[in-house]
Amino acid sequence: MRAILINPSERSVGVVDLPDFTDAIRRKFGGAKLVRIATLPTGDSVHLLVADGPYAASFSLGGSGPHRGLGLILGRRSLYGMVMNSRADVEGVAAILKFVPAGDAHHGNLMAETRGDGQPNK
């Protein structure tokens, strides 16, 4: 199955061939959880691979907050749970993708509450 992998550590985005079912995809990435963080206009789902251990590099997609870890764009699910090929193209994803350098002041996928002036609540 065709998918798109976002690797912020290597600052790369590209097409990968993965198994057709999410359980097999999770096993391929060491049992990491797939957490859906967005849906693209193509209907594809953007997932974050959440694994144990530190992962410093992050990415932002379409102006979202930084997401710490590997990103994976998967196609829609079929009637029987099989994941279909991603319809997104790498160039389109790269156009809305921003890599966030490790060490920037953020806390992974947590969002800070802010006041009206944009300053964090204390």
C-alpha atoms as a PDB file:
ATOM      1  CA  MET A   1       0.000   0.000   0.000  1.00  0.00           C
ATOM      2  CA  ARG A   2       1.309   3.455  -0.924  1.00  0.00           C
ATOM      3  CA  ALA A   3       1.795   5.844   2.007  1.00  0.00           C
ATOM      4  CA  ILE A   4       3.791   9.015   2.676  1.00  0.00           C
ATOM      5  CA  LEU A   5       6.314   9.087   5.523  1.00  0.00           C
ATOM      6  CA  ILE A   6       7.366  12.353   7.182  1.00  0.00           C
ATOM      7  CA  ASN A   7      10.667  11.988   9.028  1.00  0.00           C
ATOM      8  CA  PRO A   8      11.581  15.196  10.865  1.00  0.00           C
ATOM      9  CA  SER A   9      14.911  13.787  12.126  1.00  0.00           C
ATOM     10  CA  GLU A  10      16.095  13.377   8.536  1.00  0.00           C
ATOM     11  CA  ARG A  11      14.029  16.345   7.318  1.00  0.00           C
ATOM     12  CA  SER A  12      12.545  14.158   4.602  1.00  0.00           C
ATOM     13  CA  VAL A  13       9.180  13.305   3.112  1.00  0.00           C
ATOM     14  CA  GLY A  14       8.669  10.477   0.660  1.00  0.00           C
ATOM     15  CA  VAL A  15       6.576   7.570  -0.565  1.00  0.00           C
ATOM     16  CA  VAL A  16       6.876   4.251   1.273  1.00  0.00           C
ATOM     17  CA  ASP A  17       5.310   0.848   0.670  1.00  0.00           C
ATOM     18  CA  LEU A  18       3.486  -0.461   3.759  1.00  0.00           C
ATOM     19  CA  PRO A  19       1.216  -3.373   4.671  1.00  0.00           C
ATOM     20  CA  ASP A  20      -2.532  -2.988   4.031  1.00  0.00           C
ATOM     21  CA  PHE A  21      -3.701  -3.226   7.667  1.00  0.00           C
ATOM     22  CA  THR A  22      -2.985  -0.881  10.597  1.00  0.00           C
ATOM     23  CA  ASP A  23      -1.897  -3.689  12.947  1.00  0.00           C
ATOM     24  CA  ALA A  24       0.796  -4.728  10.469  1.00  0.00           C
ATOM     25  CA  ILE A  25       1.844  -1.084  10.023  1.00  0.00           C
ATOM     26  CA  ARG A  26       2.188  -0.693  13.794  1.00  0.00           C
ATOM     27  CA  ARG A  27       4.333  -3.861  13.992  1.00  0.00           C
ATOM     28  CA  LYS A  28       6.567  -2.524  11.200  1.00  0.00           C
ATOM     29  CA  PHE A  29       7.271   0.548  13.363  1.00  0.00           C
ATOM     30  CA  GLY A  30       7.973  -1.379  16.567  1.00  0.00           C
ATOM     31  CA  GLY A  31       4.423  -1.319  17.933  1.00  0.00           C
ATOM     32  CA  ALA A  32       4.056   2.483  17.786  1.00  0.00           C
ATOM     33  CA  LYS A  33       0.511   3.802  18.160  1.00  0.00           C
ATOM     34  CA  LEU A  34      -1.070   5.522  15.175  1.00  0.00           C
ATOM     35  CA  VAL A  35      -2.771   8.722  16.319  1.00  0.00           C
ATOM     36  CA  ARG A  36      -4.769  10.582  13.677  1.00  0.00           C
ATOM     37  CA  ILE A  37      -3.972  14.297  13.793  1.00  0.00           C
ATOM     38  CA  ALA A  38      -5.547  15.592  10.579  1.00  0.00           C
ATOM     39  CA  THR A  39      -7.429  14.752   7.403  1.00  0.00           C
ATOM     40  CA  LEU A  40      -6.255  16.078   4.044  1.00  0.00           C
ATOM     41  CA  PRO A  41      -8.622  17.317   1.308  1.00  0.00           C
ATOM     42  CA  THR A  42      -7.883  14.078  -0.583  1.00  0.00           C
ATOM     43  CA  GLY A  43      -9.520  12.144   2.269  1.00  0.00           C
ATOM     44  CA  ASP A  44      -6.172  10.770   3.414  1.00  0.00           C
ATOM     45  CA  SER A  45      -5.474  10.683   7.145  1.00  0.00           C
ATOM     46  CA  VAL A  46      -2.352  12.179   8.699  1.00  0.00           C
ATOM     47  CA  HIS A  47      -1.135  10.063  11.610  1.00  0.00           C
ATOM     48  CA  LEU A  48       1.554  10.529  14.221  1.00  0.00           C
ATOM     49  CA  LEU A  49       3.542   7.426  15.141  1.00  0.00           C
ATOM     50  CA  VAL A  50       3.741   7.561  18.924  1.00  0.00           C
ATOM     51  CA  ALA A  51       6.467   5.308  20.323  1.00  0.00           C
ATOM     52  CA  ASP A  52       8.205   4.962  23.667  1.00  0.00           C
ATOM     53  CA  GLY A  53      11.319   7.038  24.171  1.00  0.00           C
ATOM     54  CA  PRO A  54      12.375  10.562  23.363  1.00  0.00           C
ATOM     55  CA  TYR A  55      11.893  12.009  19.918  1.00  0.00           C
ATOM     56  CA  ALA A  56      13.193  15.562  19.679  1.00  0.00           C
ATOM     57  CA  ALA A  57      12.510  16.508  16.052  1.00  0.00           C
ATOM     58  CA  SER A  58       9.074  17.798  15.080  1.00  0.00           C
ATOM     59  CA  PHE A  59       7.038  18.852  12.074  1.00  0.00           C
ATOM     60  CA  SER A  60       4.149  21.201  11.409  1.00  0.00           C
ATOM     61  CA  LEU A  61       1.638  20.536   8.664  1.00  0.00           C
ATOM     62  CA  GLY A  62      -0.440  23.338   7.205  1.00  0.00           C
ATOM     63  CA  GLY A  63       0.237  25.710  10.083  1.00  0.00           C
ATOM     64  CA  SER A  64      -0.598  23.204  12.826  1.00  0.00           C
ATOM     65  CA  GLY A  65       1.315  23.151  16.072  1.00  0.00           C
ATOM     66  CA  PRO A  66       4.474  21.066  16.151  1.00  0.00           C
ATOM     67  CA  HIS A  67       4.035  17.284  16.206  1.00  0.00           C
ATOM     68  CA  ARG A  68       6.898  15.325  17.745  1.00  0.00           C
ATOM     69  CA  GLY A  69       7.674  12.063  15.963  1.00  0.00           C
ATOM     70  CA  LEU A  70       7.229  10.423  12.582  1.00  0.00           C
ATOM     71  CA  GLY A  71       4.256  11.393  10.456  1.00  0.00           C
ATOM     72  CA  LEU A  72       2.442   8.935   8.224  1.00  0.00           C
ATOM     73  CA  ILE A  73      -0.170   9.768   5.585  1.00  0.00           C
ATOM     74  CA  LEU A  74      -2.472   6.840   4.874  1.00  0.00           C
ATOM     75  CA  GLY A  75      -5.343   6.455   2.433  1.00  0.00           C
ATOM     76  CA  ARG A  76      -8.936   5.816   3.397  1.00  0.00           C
ATOM     77  CA  ARG A  77     -10.027   2.537   4.963  1.00  0.00           C
ATOM     78  CA  SER A  78     -12.054   0.115   2.903  1.00  0.00           C
ATOM     79  CA  LEU A  79     -15.186  -1.658   4.056  1.00  0.00           C
ATOM     80  CA  TYR A  80     -13.142  -4.508   5.576  1.00  0.00           C
ATOM     81  CA  GLY A  81     -10.524  -2.377   7.357  1.00  0.00           C
ATOM     82  CA  MET A  82      -7.919  -2.523   4.624  1.00  0.00           C
ATOM     83  CA  VAL A  83      -6.000   0.752   4.200  1.00  0.00           C
ATOM     84  CA  MET A  84      -6.112   2.076   0.644  1.00  0.00           C
ATOM     85  CA  ASN A  85      -3.295   3.847  -1.216  1.00  0.00           C
ATOM     86  CA  SER A  86      -2.698   7.461  -0.232  1.00  0.00           C
ATOM     87  CA  ARG A  87      -3.997   9.892  -2.846  1.00  0.00           C
ATOM     88  CA  ALA A  88      -1.823  12.786  -1.648  1.00  0.00           C
ATOM     89  CA  ASP A  89       1.234  13.686  -3.688  1.00  0.00           C
ATOM     90  CA  VAL A  90       4.618  14.253  -2.068  1.00  0.00           C
ATOM     91  CA  GLU A  91       5.053  17.712  -3.640  1.00  0.00           C
ATOM     92  CA  GLY A  92       1.714  18.875  -2.242  1.00  0.00           C
ATOM     93  CA  VAL A  93       2.588  17.617   1.237  1.00  0.00           C
ATOM     94  CA  ALA A  94       6.062  19.176   1.052  1.00  0.00           C
ATOM     95  CA  ALA A  95       4.467  22.540   0.177  1.00  0.00           C
ATOM     96  CA  ILE A  96       2.547  22.655   3.494  1.00  0.00           C
ATOM     97  CA  LEU A  97       5.198  20.913   5.611  1.00  0.00           C
ATOM     98  CA  LYS A  98       7.564  22.698   7.956  1.00  0.00           C
ATOM     99  CA  PHE A  99      10.254  20.971   9.993  1.00  0.00           C
ATOM    100  CA  VAL A 100      10.662  22.325  13.515  1.00  0.00           C
ATOM    101  CA  PRO A 101      14.244  22.227  14.834  1.00  0.00           C
ATOM    102  CA  ALA A 102      14.903  20.119  17.914  1.00  0.00           C
ATOM    103  CA  GLY A 103      15.200  22.236  21.035  1.00  0.00           C
ATOM    104  CA  ASP A 104      12.544  24.801  20.083  1.00  0.00           C
ATOM    105  CA  ALA A 105      10.439  25.795  23.071  1.00  0.00           C
ATOM    106  CA  HIS A 106       7.427  23.525  22.812  1.00  0.00           C
ATOM    107  CA  HIS A 107       6.098  20.458  24.545  1.00  0.00           C
ATOM    108  CA  GLY A 108       5.496  17.917  21.821  1.00  0.00           C
ATOM    109  CA  ASN A 109       1.831  17.775  20.956  1.00  0.00           C
ATOM    110  CA  LEU A 110       0.608  19.706  24.003  1.00  0.00           C
ATOM    111  CA  MET A 111      -1.057  23.040  23.394  1.00  0.00           C
ATOM    112  CA  ALA A 112      -0.556  25.916  25.816  1.00  0.00           C
ATOM    113  CA  GLU A 113      -3.539  28.022  26.809  1.00  0.00           C
ATOM    114  CA  THR A 114      -3.071  31.671  25.946  1.00  0.00           C
ATOM    115  CA  ARG A 115      -4.720  34.952  26.875  1.00  0.00           C
ATOM    116  CA  GLY A 116      -6.238  37.302  24.318  1.00  0.00           C
ATOM    117  CA  ASP A 117      -2.869  39.031  23.813  1.00  0.00           C
ATOM    118  CA  GLY A 118      -1.200  35.723  22.869  1.00  0.00           C
ATOM    119  CA  GLN A 119       0.783  35.391  26.102  1.00  0.00           C
ATOM    120  CA  PRO A 120       0.616  32.058  27.971  1.00  0.00           C
ATOM    121  CA  ASN A 121      -1.649  31.711  31.006  1.00  0.00           C
ATOM    122  CA  LYS A 122       0.189  31.291  34.275  1.00  0.00           C
END
